[in-house]
C-alpha atoms as a PDB file:
ATOM      1  CA  MET A   1      96.253  -6.902-162.611  1.00  0.00           C
ATOM      2  CA  PRO A   2      96.895  -8.695-165.889  1.00  0.00           C
ATOM      3  CA  ASP A   3      95.363 -12.120-166.445  1.00  0.00           C
ATOM      4  CA  ASP A   4      98.751 -13.697-167.231  1.00  0.00           C
ATOM      5  CA  PRO A   5     100.170 -15.366-164.070  1.00  0.00           C
ATOM      6  CA  SER A   6     103.705 -15.247-165.498  1.00  0.00           C
ATOM      7  CA  SER A   7     103.607 -11.438-165.297  1.00  0.00           C
ATOM      8  CA  TRP A   8     102.683 -11.333-161.586  1.00  0.00           C
ATOM      9  CA  GLY A   9     106.243 -11.821-160.362  1.00  0.00           C
ATOM     10  CA  GLU A  10     106.968 -13.323-156.937  1.00  0.00           C
ATOM     11  CA  THR A  11     103.702 -13.441-154.980  1.00  0.00           C
ATOM     12  CA  PRO A  12     103.810 -14.400-151.286  1.00  0.00           C
ATOM     13  CA  ARG A  13     101.745 -17.532-150.587  1.00  0.00           C
ATOM     14  CA  ASN A  14      99.564 -15.837-147.947  1.00  0.00           C
ATOM     15  CA  ALA A  15      98.859 -12.729-150.038  1.00  0.00           C
ATOM     16  CA  PRO A  16      95.576 -12.318-151.914  1.00  0.00           C
ATOM     17  CA  CYS A  17      95.773 -13.862-155.377  1.00  0.00           C
ATOM     18  CA  PRO A  18      96.469 -11.248-158.076  1.00  0.00           C
ATOM     19  CA  CYS A  19      93.773 -12.802-160.310  1.00  0.00           C
ATOM     20  CA  GLY A  20      91.109 -11.033-158.244  1.00  0.00           C
ATOM     21  CA  SER A  21      89.342 -14.149-156.940  1.00  0.00           C
ATOM     22  CA  GLY A  22      89.578 -12.979-153.322  1.00  0.00           C
ATOM     23  CA  ARG A  23      91.292 -16.222-152.304  1.00  0.00           C
ATOM     24  CA  LYS A  24      94.815 -16.544-150.944  1.00  0.00           C
ATOM     25  CA  TYR A  25      97.439 -17.148-153.619  1.00  0.00           C
ATOM     26  CA  LYS A  26      98.349 -20.540-152.093  1.00  0.00           C
ATOM     27  CA  HIS A  27      94.754 -21.740-152.520  1.00  0.00           C
ATOM     28  CA  CYS A  28      94.308 -20.325-156.009  1.00  0.00           C
ATOM     29  CA  HIS A  29      97.068 -19.962-158.624  1.00  0.00           C
ATOM     30  CA  GLY A  30      99.857 -20.815-156.169  1.00  0.00           C
ATOM     31  CA  ARG A  31      98.785 -24.393-155.565  1.00  0.00           C
ATOM     32  CA  VAL A  32     101.602 -26.927-155.518  1.00  0.00           C
ATOM     33  CA  PRO A  33     100.579 -30.315-156.907  1.00  0.00           C
ATOM     34  CA  ASP A  34     100.637 -33.170-154.418  1.00  0.00           C
ATOM     35  CA  LYS A  35     103.385 -35.475-155.718  1.00  0.00           C
ATOM     36  CA  GLY A  36     101.938 -38.480-153.894  1.00  0.00           C
ATOM     37  CA  ARG A  37      98.581 -38.190-155.619  1.00  0.00           C
ATOM     38  CA  VAL A  38     100.174 -37.648-159.011  1.00  0.00           C
ATOM     39  CA  ALA A  39     102.331 -40.755-158.576  1.00  0.00           C
ATOM     40  CA  ALA A  40      99.318 -42.805-157.453  1.00  0.00           C
ATOM     41  CA  ARG A  41      97.288 -41.708-160.487  1.00  0.00           C
ATOM     42  CA  GLN A  42     100.120 -42.601-162.852  1.00  0.00           C
ATOM     43  CA  TYR A  43     100.478 -46.010-161.187  1.00  0.00           C
ATOM     44  CA  MET A  44      96.751 -46.708-161.488  1.00  0.00           C
ATOM     45  CA  ARG A  45      96.758 -45.788-165.187  1.00  0.00           C
ATOM     46  CA  GLN A  46      99.514 -48.315-165.898  1.00  0.00           C
ATOM     47  CA  GLY A  47      97.784 -51.202-164.221  1.00  0.00           C
END
Protein backbone atom coordinates (compact mmCIF):
# COMPACT_ATOMS: atom_id res chain seq x y z
CA MET A 1 0.00 0.00 0.00
CA PRO A 2 1.18 3.54 -0.66
CA ASP A 3 2.23 5.71 2.27
CA ASP A 4 -0.21 8.49 1.30
CA PRO A 5 -3.46 8.13 3.33
CA SER A 6 -5.38 10.20 0.77
CA SER A 7 -4.87 7.41 -1.79
CA TRP A 8 -6.34 4.66 0.42
CA GLY A 9 -9.95 5.47 -0.41
CA GLU A 10 -12.78 4.58 1.98
CA THR A 11 -11.38 2.27 4.66
CA PRO A 12 -13.81 0.63 7.11
CA ARG A 13 -13.05 1.61 10.72
CA ASN A 14 -12.65 -1.99 11.91
CA ALA A 15 -10.40 -3.05 9.02
CA PRO A 16 -6.63 -3.30 9.46
CA CYS A 17 -4.94 0.03 8.75
CA PRO A 18 -3.51 0.19 5.21
CA CYS A 19 -0.27 1.73 6.57
CA GLY A 20 0.86 -1.74 7.67
CA SER A 21 1.02 -1.04 11.42
CA GLY A 22 -1.15 -4.06 12.25
CA ARG A 23 -3.58 -1.87 14.19
CA LYS A 24 -7.22 -1.28 13.32
CA TYR A 25 -7.79 1.76 11.11
CA LYS A 26 -9.91 3.45 13.82
CA HIS A 27 -6.99 3.28 16.27
CA CYS A 28 -4.35 4.36 13.77
CA HIS A 29 -4.92 6.74 10.84
CA GLY A 30 -8.71 6.75 11.25
CA ARG A 31 -8.75 8.45 14.63
CA VAL A 32 -11.37 11.16 15.04
CA PRO A 33 -10.23 14.01 17.28
CA ASP A 34 -12.17 14.42 20.50
CA LYS A 35 -13.90 17.79 20.12
CA GLY A 36 -14.29 18.20 23.88
CA ARG A 37 -10.56 17.91 24.51
CA VAL A 38 -9.72 20.25 21.66
CA ALA A 39 -12.14 22.87 23.00
CA ALA A 40 -10.73 22.51 26.52
CA ARG A 41 -7.16 22.97 25.27
CA GLN A 42 -8.12 26.08 23.31
CA TYR A 43 -9.89 27.49 26.38
CA MET A 44 -6.87 26.85 28.60
CA ARG A 45 -4.53 28.57 26.12
CA GLN A 46 -6.66 31.73 26.18
CA GLY A 47 -6.71 32.04 29.93
